[in-house]
Amino acid sequence: ASGDRPTFGDSATSSHPEVQAQLDRLLALGMGGDVLGLDRVSELCA
């Protein structure tokens, strides 16, 4: 197969270097796994 090999959950890879750079930053934000609650997403969207 060619293109992006699938990764899932709190992970993702991309053959596009700029997308991959941002996905790496996304994974470094600090909270892994399933996390419930509206406070964080509400603040981020604000």
All heavy atoms as atom14 arrays in JSON, in Angstrom:
{
  "sequence": "ASGDRPTFGDSATSSHPEVQAQLDRLLALGMGGDVLGLDRVSELCA",
  "atom14_mask": [
    [1, 1, 1, 1, 1, 0, 0, 0, 0, 0, 0, 0, 0, 0],
    [1, 1, 1, 1, 1, 1, 0, 0, 0, 0, 0, 0, 0, 0],
    [1, 1, 1, 1, 0, 0, 0, 0, 0, 0, 0, 0, 0, 0],
    [1, 1, 1, 1, 1, 1, 1, 1, 0, 0, 0, 0, 0, 0],
    [1, 1, 1, 1, 1, 1, 1, 1, 1, 1, 1, 0, 0, 0],
    [1, 1, 1, 1, 1, 1, 1, 0, 0, 0, 0, 0, 0, 0],
    [1, 1, 1, 1, 1, 1, 1, 0, 0, 0, 0, 0, 0, 0],
    [1, 1, 1, 1, 1, 1, 1, 1, 1, 1, 1, 0, 0, 0],
    [1, 1, 1, 1, 0, 0, 0, 0, 0, 0, 0, 0, 0, 0],
    [1, 1, 1, 1, 1, 1, 1, 1, 0, 0, 0, 0, 0, 0],
    [1, 1, 1, 1, 1, 1, 0, 0, 0, 0, 0, 0, 0, 0],
    [1, 1, 1, 1, 1, 0, 0, 0, 0, 0, 0, 0, 0, 0],
    [1, 1, 1, 1, 1, 1, 1, 0, 0, 0, 0, 0, 0, 0],
    [1, 1, 1, 1, 1, 1, 0, 0, 0, 0, 0, 0, 0, 0],
    [1, 1, 1, 1, 1, 1, 0, 0, 0, 0, 0, 0, 0, 0],
    [1, 1, 1, 1, 1, 1, 1, 1, 1, 1, 0, 0, 0, 0],
    [1, 1, 1, 1, 1, 1, 1, 0, 0, 0, 0, 0, 0, 0],
    [1, 1, 1, 1, 1, 1, 1, 1, 1, 0, 0, 0, 0, 0],
    [1, 1, 1, 1, 1, 1, 1, 0, 0, 0, 0, 0, 0, 0],
    [1, 1, 1, 1, 1, 1, 1, 1, 1, 0, 0, 0, 0, 0],
    [1, 1, 1, 1, 1, 0, 0, 0, 0, 0, 0, 0, 0, 0],
    [1, 1, 1, 1, 1, 1, 1, 1, 1, 0, 0, 0, 0, 0],
    [1, 1, 1, 1, 1, 1, 1, 1, 0, 0, 0, 0, 0, 0],
    [1, 1, 1, 1, 1, 1, 1, 1, 0, 0, 0, 0, 0, 0],
    [1, 1, 1, 1, 1, 1, 1, 1, 1, 1, 1, 0, 0, 0],
    [1, 1, 1, 1, 1, 1, 1, 1, 0, 0, 0, 0, 0, 0],
    [1, 1, 1, 1, 1, 1, 1, 1, 0, 0, 0, 0, 0, 0],
    [1, 1, 1, 1, 1, 0, 0, 0, 0, 0, 0, 0, 0, 0],
    [1, 1, 1, 1, 1, 1, 1, 1, 0, 0, 0, 0, 0, 0],
    [1, 1, 1, 1, 0, 0, 0, 0, 0, 0, 0, 0, 0, 0],
    [1, 1, 1, 1, 1, 1, 1, 1, 0, 0, 0, 0, 0, 0],
    [1, 1, 1, 1, 0, 0, 0, 0, 0, 0, 0, 0, 0, 0],
    [1, 1, 1, 1, 0, 0, 0, 0, 0, 0, 0, 0, 0, 0],
    [1, 1, 1, 1, 1, 1, 1, 1, 0, 0, 0, 0, 0, 0],
    [1, 1, 1, 1, 1, 1, 1, 0, 0, 0, 0, 0, 0, 0],
    [1, 1, 1, 1, 1, 1, 1, 1, 0, 0, 0, 0, 0, 0],
    [1, 1, 1, 1, 0, 0, 0, 0, 0, 0, 0, 0, 0, 0],
    [1, 1, 1, 1, 1, 1, 1, 1, 0, 0, 0, 0, 0, 0],
    [1, 1, 1, 1, 1, 1, 1, 1, 0, 0, 0, 0, 0, 0],
    [1, 1, 1, 1, 1, 1, 1, 1, 1, 1, 1, 0, 0, 0],
    [1, 1, 1, 1, 1, 1, 1, 0, 0, 0, 0, 0, 0, 0],
    [1, 1, 1, 1, 1, 1, 0, 0, 0, 0, 0, 0, 0, 0],
    [1, 1, 1, 1, 1, 1, 1, 1, 1, 0, 0, 0, 0, 0],
    [1, 1, 1, 1, 1, 1, 1, 1, 0, 0, 0, 0, 0, 0],
    [1, 1, 1, 1, 1, 1, 0, 0, 0, 0, 0, 0, 0, 0],
    [1, 1, 1, 1, 1, 0, 0, 0, 0, 0, 0, 0, 0, 0]
  ],
  "atom14_positions": [
    [[0.84, -1.19, 0.0], [0.0, 0.0, 0.0], [0.87, 1.23, 0.0], [2.04, 1.19, 0.35], [-0.92, -0.01, 1.22], [0.0, 0.0, 0.0], [0.0, 0.0, 0.0], [0.0, 0.0, 0.0], [0.0, 0.0, 0.0], [0.0, 0.0, 0.0], [0.0, 0.0, 0.0], [0.0, 0.0, 0.0], [0.0, 0.0, 0.0], [0.0, 0.0, 0.0]],
    [[0.29, 2.34, -0.43], [1.01, 3.6, -0.45], [0.23, 4.64, 0.32], [-0.93, 4.45, 0.66], [1.21, 4.06, -1.9], [-0.04, 4.21, -2.53], [0.0, 0.0, 0.0], [0.0, 0.0, 0.0], [0.0, 0.0, 0.0], [0.0, 0.0, 0.0], [0.0, 0.0, 0.0], [0.0, 0.0, 0.0], [0.0, 0.0, 0.0], [0.0, 0.0, 0.0]],
    [[0.85, 5.78, 0.59], [0.17, 6.84, 1.31], [0.34, 6.7, 2.81], [1.29, 6.09, 3.29], [0.0, 0.0, 0.0], [0.0, 0.0, 0.0], [0.0, 0.0, 0.0], [0.0, 0.0, 0.0], [0.0, 0.0, 0.0], [0.0, 0.0, 0.0], [0.0, 0.0, 0.0], [0.0, 0.0, 0.0], [0.0, 0.0, 0.0], [0.0, 0.0, 0.0]],
    [[-0.6, 7.26, 3.58], [-0.5, 7.28, 5.03], [-0.86, 5.92, 5.61], [-1.97, 5.43, 5.42], [-1.45, 8.32, 5.61], [-1.24, 9.7, 5.01], [-0.1, 9.97, 4.59], [-2.19, 10.49, 4.96], [0.0, 0.0, 0.0], [0.0, 0.0, 0.0], [0.0, 0.0, 0.0], [0.0, 0.0, 0.0], [0.0, 0.0, 0.0], [0.0, 0.0, 0.0]],
    [[0.06, 5.31, 6.35], [-0.29, 4.08, 7.05], [-1.21, 4.45, 8.2], [-0.94, 5.4, 8.94], [0.96, 3.38, 7.58], [0.65, 1.98, 8.12], [1.89, 1.24, 8.56], [1.55, -0.12, 8.96], [1.56, -1.17, 8.15], [1.88, -1.0, 6.88], [1.23, -2.37, 8.59], [0.0, 0.0, 0.0], [0.0, 0.0, 0.0], [0.0, 0.0, 0.0]],
    [[-2.31, 3.74, 8.4], [-3.29, 4.18, 9.38], [-2.78, 4.09, 10.81], [-2.12, 3.13, 11.21], [-4.46, 3.21, 9.17], [-3.86, 2.01, 8.52], [-2.73, 2.53, 7.69], [0.0, 0.0, 0.0], [0.0, 0.0, 0.0], [0.0, 0.0, 0.0], [0.0, 0.0, 0.0], [0.0, 0.0, 0.0], [0.0, 0.0, 0.0], [0.0, 0.0, 0.0]],
    [[-3.09, 5.1, 11.59], [-2.91, 5.1, 13.04], [-4.16, 5.69, 13.64], [-4.87, 6.45, 12.99], [-1.68, 5.91, 13.47], [-1.78, 7.22, 12.88], [-0.4, 5.26, 13.0], [0.0, 0.0, 0.0], [0.0, 0.0, 0.0], [0.0, 0.0, 0.0], [0.0, 0.0, 0.0], [0.0, 0.0, 0.0], [0.0, 0.0, 0.0], [0.0, 0.0, 0.0]],
    [[-4.45, 5.37, 14.9], [-5.78, 5.65, 15.39], [-5.75, 6.17, 16.81], [-4.73, 6.21, 17.48], [-6.64, 4.38, 15.34], [-6.56, 3.7, 14.01], [-5.7, 2.63, 13.82], [-7.31, 4.15, 12.96], [-5.61, 2.02, 12.59], [-7.23, 3.53, 11.72], [-6.39, 2.46, 11.54], [0.0, 0.0, 0.0], [0.0, 0.0, 0.0], [0.0, 0.0, 0.0]],
    [[-6.98, 6.54, 17.28], [-7.11, 7.03, 18.64], [-6.34, 8.32, 18.81], [-6.48, 9.26, 18.04], [0.0, 0.0, 0.0], [0.0, 0.0, 0.0], [0.0, 0.0, 0.0], [0.0, 0.0, 0.0], [0.0, 0.0, 0.0], [0.0, 0.0, 0.0], [0.0, 0.0, 0.0], [0.0, 0.0, 0.0], [0.0, 0.0, 0.0], [0.0, 0.0, 0.0]],
    [[-5.51, 8.38, 19.84], [-4.72, 9.57, 20.11], [-3.45, 9.53, 19.27], [-2.33, 9.69, 19.78], [-4.36, 9.65, 21.59], [-5.58, 9.99, 22.42], [-6.6, 10.36, 21.84], [-5.49, 9.88, 23.65], [0.0, 0.0, 0.0], [0.0, 0.0, 0.0], [0.0, 0.0, 0.0], [0.0, 0.0, 0.0], [0.0, 0.0, 0.0], [0.0, 0.0, 0.0]],
    [[-3.59, 9.34, 17.99], [-2.43, 9.24, 17.12], [-2.86, 9.42, 15.68], [-4.02, 9.23, 15.35], [-1.75, 7.87, 17.3], [-0.58, 7.8, 16.52], [0.0, 0.0, 0.0], [0.0, 0.0, 0.0], [0.0, 0.0, 0.0], [0.0, 0.0, 0.0], [0.0, 0.0, 0.0], [0.0, 0.0, 0.0], [0.0, 0.0, 0.0], [0.0, 0.0, 0.0]],
    [[-1.93, 9.8, 14.84], [-2.17, 9.9, 13.41], [-0.84, 10.18, 12.74], [0.06, 10.77, 13.34], [-3.17, 11.02, 13.08], [0.0, 0.0, 0.0], [0.0, 0.0, 0.0], [0.0, 0.0, 0.0], [0.0, 0.0, 0.0], [0.0, 0.0, 0.0], [0.0, 0.0, 0.0], [0.0, 0.0, 0.0], [0.0, 0.0, 0.0], [0.0, 0.0, 0.0]],
    [[-0.71, 9.73, 11.52], [0.47, 10.04, 10.72], [0.01, 10.54, 9.37], [-1.11, 10.28, 8.93], [1.36, 8.8, 10.53], [0.61, 7.77, 9.89], [1.91, 8.31, 11.85], [0.0, 0.0, 0.0], [0.0, 0.0, 0.0], [0.0, 0.0, 0.0], [0.0, 0.0, 0.0], [0.0, 0.0, 0.0], [0.0, 0.0, 0.0], [0.0, 0.0, 0.0]],
    [[0.9, 11.29, 8.7], [0.58, 11.83, 7.39], [1.83, 11.85, 6.54], [2.94, 12.12, 7.03], [0.0, 13.24, 7.52], [-0.21, 13.82, 6.25], [0.0, 0.0, 0.0], [0.0, 0.0, 0.0], [0.0, 0.0, 0.0], [0.0, 0.0, 0.0], [0.0, 0.0, 0.0], [0.0, 0.0, 0.0], [0.0, 0.0, 0.0], [0.0, 0.0, 0.0]],
    [[1.66, 11.61, 5.25], [2.77, 11.72, 4.31], [3.03, 13.18, 3.95], [4.03, 13.49, 3.3], [2.48, 10.91, 3.04], [1.27, 11.34, 2.44], [0.0, 0.0, 0.0], [0.0, 0.0, 0.0], [0.0, 0.0, 0.0], [0.0, 0.0, 0.0], [0.0, 0.0, 0.0], [0.0, 0.0, 0.0], [0.0, 0.0, 0.0], [0.0, 0.0, 0.0]],
    [[2.14, 14.08, 4.35], [2.3, 15.51, 4.09], [3.12, 16.1, 5.24], [2.68, 16.07, 6.4], [0.92, 16.17, 4.0], [0.94, 17.58, 3.51], [1.33, 18.64, 4.31], [0.59, 18.11, 2.31], [1.2, 19.76, 3.62], [0.77, 19.46, 2.4], [0.0, 0.0, 0.0], [0.0, 0.0, 0.0], [0.0, 0.0, 0.0], [0.0, 0.0, 0.0]],
    [[4.31, 16.63, 5.0], [5.2, 17.03, 6.1], [4.61, 18.1, 7.01], [4.82, 18.04, 8.23], [6.46, 17.53, 5.38], [6.06, 17.77, 3.96], [4.95, 16.83, 3.68], [0.0, 0.0, 0.0], [0.0, 0.0, 0.0], [0.0, 0.0, 0.0], [0.0, 0.0, 0.0], [0.0, 0.0, 0.0], [0.0, 0.0, 0.0], [0.0, 0.0, 0.0]],
    [[3.87, 19.06, 6.45], [3.31, 20.11, 7.3], [2.21, 19.55, 8.2], [2.1, 19.93, 9.37], [2.78, 21.27, 6.45], [3.86, 22.16, 5.87], [4.55, 21.55, 4.66], [4.01, 20.57, 4.09], [5.63, 22.03, 4.29], [0.0, 0.0, 0.0], [0.0, 0.0, 0.0], [0.0, 0.0, 0.0], [0.0, 0.0, 0.0], [0.0, 0.0, 0.0]],
    [[1.38, 18.65, 7.65], [0.36, 18.02, 8.48], [1.02, 17.19, 9.57], [0.62, 17.25, 10.74], [-0.58, 17.14, 7.62], [-1.54, 16.35, 8.52], [-1.38, 18.0, 6.65], [0.0, 0.0, 0.0], [0.0, 0.0, 0.0], [0.0, 0.0, 0.0], [0.0, 0.0, 0.0], [0.0, 0.0, 0.0], [0.0, 0.0, 0.0], [0.0, 0.0, 0.0]],
    [[2.05, 16.43, 9.22], [2.72, 15.6, 10.22], [3.33, 16.45, 11.33], [3.27, 16.1, 12.52], [3.79, 14.73, 9.58], [4.44, 13.75, 10.54], [3.43, 12.79, 11.14], [2.71, 12.11, 10.43], [3.36, 12.76, 12.47], [0.0, 0.0, 0.0], [0.0, 0.0, 0.0], [0.0, 0.0, 0.0], [0.0, 0.0, 0.0], [0.0, 0.0, 0.0]],
    [[3.89, 17.59, 10.97], [4.48, 18.48, 11.98], [3.42, 18.92, 12.97], [3.66, 18.98, 14.2], [5.13, 19.69, 11.31], [0.0, 0.0, 0.0], [0.0, 0.0, 0.0], [0.0, 0.0, 0.0], [0.0, 0.0, 0.0], [0.0, 0.0, 0.0], [0.0, 0.0, 0.0], [0.0, 0.0, 0.0], [0.0, 0.0, 0.0], [0.0, 0.0, 0.0]],
    [[2.22, 19.24, 12.49], [1.15, 19.68, 13.38], [0.57, 18.51, 14.19], [0.22, 18.67, 15.36], [0.05, 20.39, 12.59], [0.51, 21.64, 11.87], [1.24, 22.61, 12.78], [0.85, 22.82, 13.94], [2.32, 23.19, 12.27], [0.0, 0.0, 0.0], [0.0, 0.0, 0.0], [0.0, 0.0, 0.0], [0.0, 0.0, 0.0], [0.0, 0.0, 0.0]],
    [[0.5, 17.33, 13.6], [0.04, 16.16, 14.34], [1.0, 15.83, 15.47], [0.59, 15.45, 16.58], [-0.13, 14.96, 13.41], [-1.27, 15.05, 12.4], [-1.21, 13.88, 11.42], [-2.63, 15.09, 13.1], [0.0, 0.0, 0.0], [0.0, 0.0, 0.0], [0.0, 0.0, 0.0], [0.0, 0.0, 0.0], [0.0, 0.0, 0.0], [0.0, 0.0, 0.0]],
    [[2.3, 16.0, 15.22], [3.29, 15.78, 16.28], [3.08, 16.78, 17.42], [3.17, 16.42, 18.6], [4.7, 15.91, 15.72], [5.08, 14.78, 14.78], [4.42, 13.72, 14.83], [6.03, 14.95, 13.98], [0.0, 0.0, 0.0], [0.0, 0.0, 0.0], [0.0, 0.0, 0.0], [0.0, 0.0, 0.0], [0.0, 0.0, 0.0], [0.0, 0.0, 0.0]],
    [[2.81, 18.03, 17.05], [2.53, 19.05, 18.08], [1.25, 18.7, 18.85], [1.18, 18.87, 20.07], [2.38, 20.43, 17.44], [3.64, 21.02, 16.84], [3.34, 22.39, 16.26], [3.01, 23.35, 17.32], [2.26, 24.44, 17.14], [1.72, 24.7, 15.96], [2.03, 25.27, 18.14], [0.0, 0.0, 0.0], [0.0, 0.0, 0.0], [0.0, 0.0, 0.0]],
    [[0.26, 18.19, 18.11], [-1.01, 17.83, 18.74], [-0.81, 16.76, 19.79], [-1.35, 16.82, 20.9], [-1.98, 17.36, 17.65], [-3.4, 17.0, 18.06], [-4.08, 18.16, 18.75], [-4.2, 16.58, 16.84], [0.0, 0.0, 0.0], [0.0, 0.0, 0.0], [0.0, 0.0, 0.0], [0.0, 0.0, 0.0], [0.0, 0.0, 0.0], [0.0, 0.0, 0.0]],
    [[0.0, 15.76, 19.48], [0.26, 14.67, 20.42], [1.04, 15.13, 21.64], [1.01, 14.49, 22.69], [0.99, 13.54, 19.72], [0.22, 12.83, 18.6], [1.1, 11.79, 17.93], [-1.03, 12.18, 19.15], [0.0, 0.0, 0.0], [0.0, 0.0, 0.0], [0.0, 0.0, 0.0], [0.0, 0.0, 0.0], [0.0, 0.0, 0.0], [0.0, 0.0, 0.0]],
    [[1.75, 16.25, 21.49], [2.57, 16.77, 22.59], [1.8, 17.69, 23.53], [2.37, 18.2, 24.5], [3.77, 17.52, 22.02], [0.0, 0.0, 0.0], [0.0, 0.0, 0.0], [0.0, 0.0, 0.0], [0.0, 0.0, 0.0], [0.0, 0.0, 0.0], [0.0, 0.0, 0.0], [0.0, 0.0, 0.0], [0.0, 0.0, 0.0], [0.0, 0.0, 0.0]],
    [[0.5, 17.89, 23.28], [-0.26, 18.82, 24.11], [-0.42, 18.33, 25.55], [-0.67, 19.12, 26.44], [-1.64, 19.08, 23.49], [-1.65, 19.98, 22.25], [-3.07, 20.11, 21.71], [-1.09, 21.35, 22.57], [0.0, 0.0, 0.0], [0.0, 0.0, 0.0], [0.0, 0.0, 0.0], [0.0, 0.0, 0.0], [0.0, 0.0, 0.0], [0.0, 0.0, 0.0]],
    [[-0.36, 17.02, 25.74], [-0.24, 16.58, 27.12], [-1.31, 15.69, 27.69], [-1.15, 15.16, 28.78], [0.0, 0.0, 0.0], [0.0, 0.0, 0.0], [0.0, 0.0, 0.0], [0.0, 0.0, 0.0], [0.0, 0.0, 0.0], [0.0, 0.0, 0.0], [0.0, 0.0, 0.0], [0.0, 0.0, 0.0], [0.0, 0.0, 0.0], [0.0, 0.0, 0.0]],
    [[-2.46, 15.52, 27.02], [-3.51, 14.66, 27.57], [-3.79, 13.53, 26.6], [-4.34, 13.75, 25.53], [-4.79, 15.46, 27.83], [-4.63, 16.5, 28.91], [-6.2, 17.24, 29.4], [-6.95, 15.9, 30.29], [0.0, 0.0, 0.0], [0.0, 0.0, 0.0], [0.0, 0.0, 0.0], [0.0, 0.0, 0.0], [0.0, 0.0, 0.0], [0.0, 0.0, 0.0]],
    [[-3.39, 12.32, 26.96], [-3.63, 11.18, 26.1], [-4.89, 10.45, 26.51], [-5.43, 10.65, 27.6], [0.0, 0.0, 0.0], [0.0, 0.0, 0.0], [0.0, 0.0, 0.0], [0.0, 0.0, 0.0], [0.0, 0.0, 0.0], [0.0, 0.0, 0.0], [0.0, 0.0, 0.0], [0.0, 0.0, 0.0], [0.0, 0.0, 0.0], [0.0, 0.0, 0.0]],
    [[-5.37, 9.58, 25.65], [-6.53, 8.75, 25.97], [-7.83, 9.52, 25.92], [-7.9, 10.7, 25.58], [0.0, 0.0, 0.0], [0.0, 0.0, 0.0], [0.0, 0.0, 0.0], [0.0, 0.0, 0.0], [0.0, 0.0, 0.0], [0.0, 0.0, 0.0], [0.0, 0.0, 0.0], [0.0, 0.0, 0.0], [0.0, 0.0, 0.0], [0.0, 0.0, 0.0]],
    [[-8.91, 8.8, 26.28], [-10.23, 9.4, 26.31], [-10.38, 10.25, 27.55], [-10.18, 9.78, 28.68], [-11.31, 8.32, 26.29], [-11.31, 7.53, 24.99], [-11.16, 8.16, 23.92], [-11.46, 6.3, 25.04], [0.0, 0.0, 0.0], [0.0, 0.0, 0.0], [0.0, 0.0, 0.0], [0.0, 0.0, 0.0], [0.0, 0.0, 0.0], [0.0, 0.0, 0.0]],
    [[-10.75, 11.52, 27.37], [-10.93, 12.45, 28.47], [-12.26, 13.15, 28.26], [-12.48, 13.77, 27.22], [-9.79, 13.5, 28.52], [-9.99, 14.42, 29.71], [-8.43, 12.81, 28.6], [0.0, 0.0, 0.0], [0.0, 0.0, 0.0], [0.0, 0.0, 0.0], [0.0, 0.0, 0.0], [0.0, 0.0, 0.0], [0.0, 0.0, 0.0], [0.0, 0.0, 0.0]],
    [[-13.15, 13.05, 29.25], [-14.46, 13.67, 29.12], [-14.51, 14.99, 29.88], [-13.78, 15.21, 30.83], [-15.54, 12.72, 29.65], [-15.69, 11.4, 28.9], [-16.83, 10.57, 29.49], [-15.91, 11.62, 27.42], [0.0, 0.0, 0.0], [0.0, 0.0, 0.0], [0.0, 0.0, 0.0], [0.0, 0.0, 0.0], [0.0, 0.0, 0.0], [0.0, 0.0, 0.0]],
    [[-15.41, 15.87, 29.46], [-15.58, 17.17, 30.1], [-15.66, 18.27, 29.06], [-15.1, 18.16, 27.96], [0.0, 0.0, 0.0], [0.0, 0.0, 0.0], [0.0, 0.0, 0.0], [0.0, 0.0, 0.0], [0.0, 0.0, 0.0], [0.0, 0.0, 0.0], [0.0, 0.0, 0.0], [0.0, 0.0, 0.0], [0.0, 0.0, 0.0], [0.0, 0.0, 0.0]],
    [[-16.36, 19.35, 29.39], [-16.58, 20.43, 28.43], [-15.74, 21.67, 28.72], [-15.68, 22.57, 27.87], [-18.07, 20.82, 28.43], [-19.05, 19.68, 28.1], [-20.47, 20.23, 28.07], [-18.69, 19.01, 26.79], [0.0, 0.0, 0.0], [0.0, 0.0, 0.0], [0.0, 0.0, 0.0], [0.0, 0.0, 0.0], [0.0, 0.0, 0.0], [0.0, 0.0, 0.0]],
    [[-15.1, 21.74, 29.87], [-14.37, 22.97, 30.24], [-13.22, 23.26, 29.3], [-13.05, 24.39, 28.84], [-13.86, 22.87, 31.68], [-14.98, 22.89, 32.7], [-16.1, 23.29, 32.33], [-14.74, 22.49, 33.86], [0.0, 0.0, 0.0], [0.0, 0.0, 0.0], [0.0, 0.0, 0.0], [0.0, 0.0, 0.0], [0.0, 0.0, 0.0], [0.0, 0.0, 0.0]],
    [[-12.41, 22.25, 28.99], [-11.22, 22.48, 28.17], [-11.6, 22.86, 26.74], [-11.06, 23.83, 26.17], [-10.31, 21.24, 28.17], [-9.65, 20.96, 29.51], [-8.9, 19.64, 29.48], [-9.78, 18.53, 29.12], [-10.56, 17.87, 30.0], [-10.55, 18.22, 31.28], [-11.33, 16.88, 29.6], [0.0, 0.0, 0.0], [0.0, 0.0, 0.0], [0.0, 0.0, 0.0]],
    [[-12.51, 22.11, 26.14], [-12.88, 22.42, 24.76], [-13.59, 23.76, 24.68], [-13.44, 24.5, 23.7], [-13.73, 21.28, 24.15], [-15.12, 21.22, 24.76], [-13.8, 21.4, 22.64], [0.0, 0.0, 0.0], [0.0, 0.0, 0.0], [0.0, 0.0, 0.0], [0.0, 0.0, 0.0], [0.0, 0.0, 0.0], [0.0, 0.0, 0.0], [0.0, 0.0, 0.0]],
    [[-14.35, 24.11, 25.71], [-15.02, 25.41, 25.73], [-14.0, 26.54, 25.79], [-14.14, 27.56, 25.08], [-15.98, 25.51, 26.92], [-17.04, 24.57, 26.8], [0.0, 0.0, 0.0], [0.0, 0.0, 0.0], [0.0, 0.0, 0.0], [0.0, 0.0, 0.0], [0.0, 0.0, 0.0], [0.0, 0.0, 0.0], [0.0, 0.0, 0.0], [0.0, 0.0, 0.0]],
    [[-12.98, 26.38, 26.63], [-11.95, 27.42, 26.71], [-11.17, 27.52, 25.4], [-10.89, 28.63, 24.92], [-10.98, 27.13, 27.86], [-9.88, 28.19, 27.97], [-8.87, 27.92, 29.08], [-9.17, 27.06, 29.94], [-7.8, 28.56, 29.07], [0.0, 0.0, 0.0], [0.0, 0.0, 0.0], [0.0, 0.0, 0.0], [0.0, 0.0, 0.0], [0.0, 0.0, 0.0]],
    [[-10.83, 26.38, 24.82], [-10.08, 26.39, 23.56], [-10.89, 27.08, 22.47], [-10.37, 27.92, 21.71], [-9.72, 24.97, 23.16], [-8.98, 24.79, 21.83], [-7.71, 25.62, 21.79], [-8.68, 23.31, 21.59], [0.0, 0.0, 0.0], [0.0, 0.0, 0.0], [0.0, 0.0, 0.0], [0.0, 0.0, 0.0], [0.0, 0.0, 0.0], [0.0, 0.0, 0.0]],
    [[-12.17, 26.74, 22.37], [-13.0, 27.36, 21.35], [-13.19, 28.85, 21.62], [-13.27, 29.66, 20.68], [-14.35, 26.65, 21.25], [-14.26, 25.08, 20.36], [0.0, 0.0, 0.0], [0.0, 0.0, 0.0], [0.0, 0.0, 0.0], [0.0, 0.0, 0.0], [0.0, 0.0, 0.0], [0.0, 0.0, 0.0], [0.0, 0.0, 0.0], [0.0, 0.0, 0.0]],
    [[-13.24, 29.24, 22.9], [-13.34, 30.67, 23.22], [-12.11, 31.42, 22.71], [-12.21, 32.54, 22.19], [-13.51, 30.85, 24.73], [0.0, 0.0, 0.0], [0.0, 0.0, 0.0], [0.0, 0.0, 0.0], [0.0, 0.0, 0.0], [0.0, 0.0, 0.0], [0.0, 0.0, 0.0], [0.0, 0.0, 0.0], [0.0, 0.0, 0.0], [0.0, 0.0, 0.0]]
  ]
}
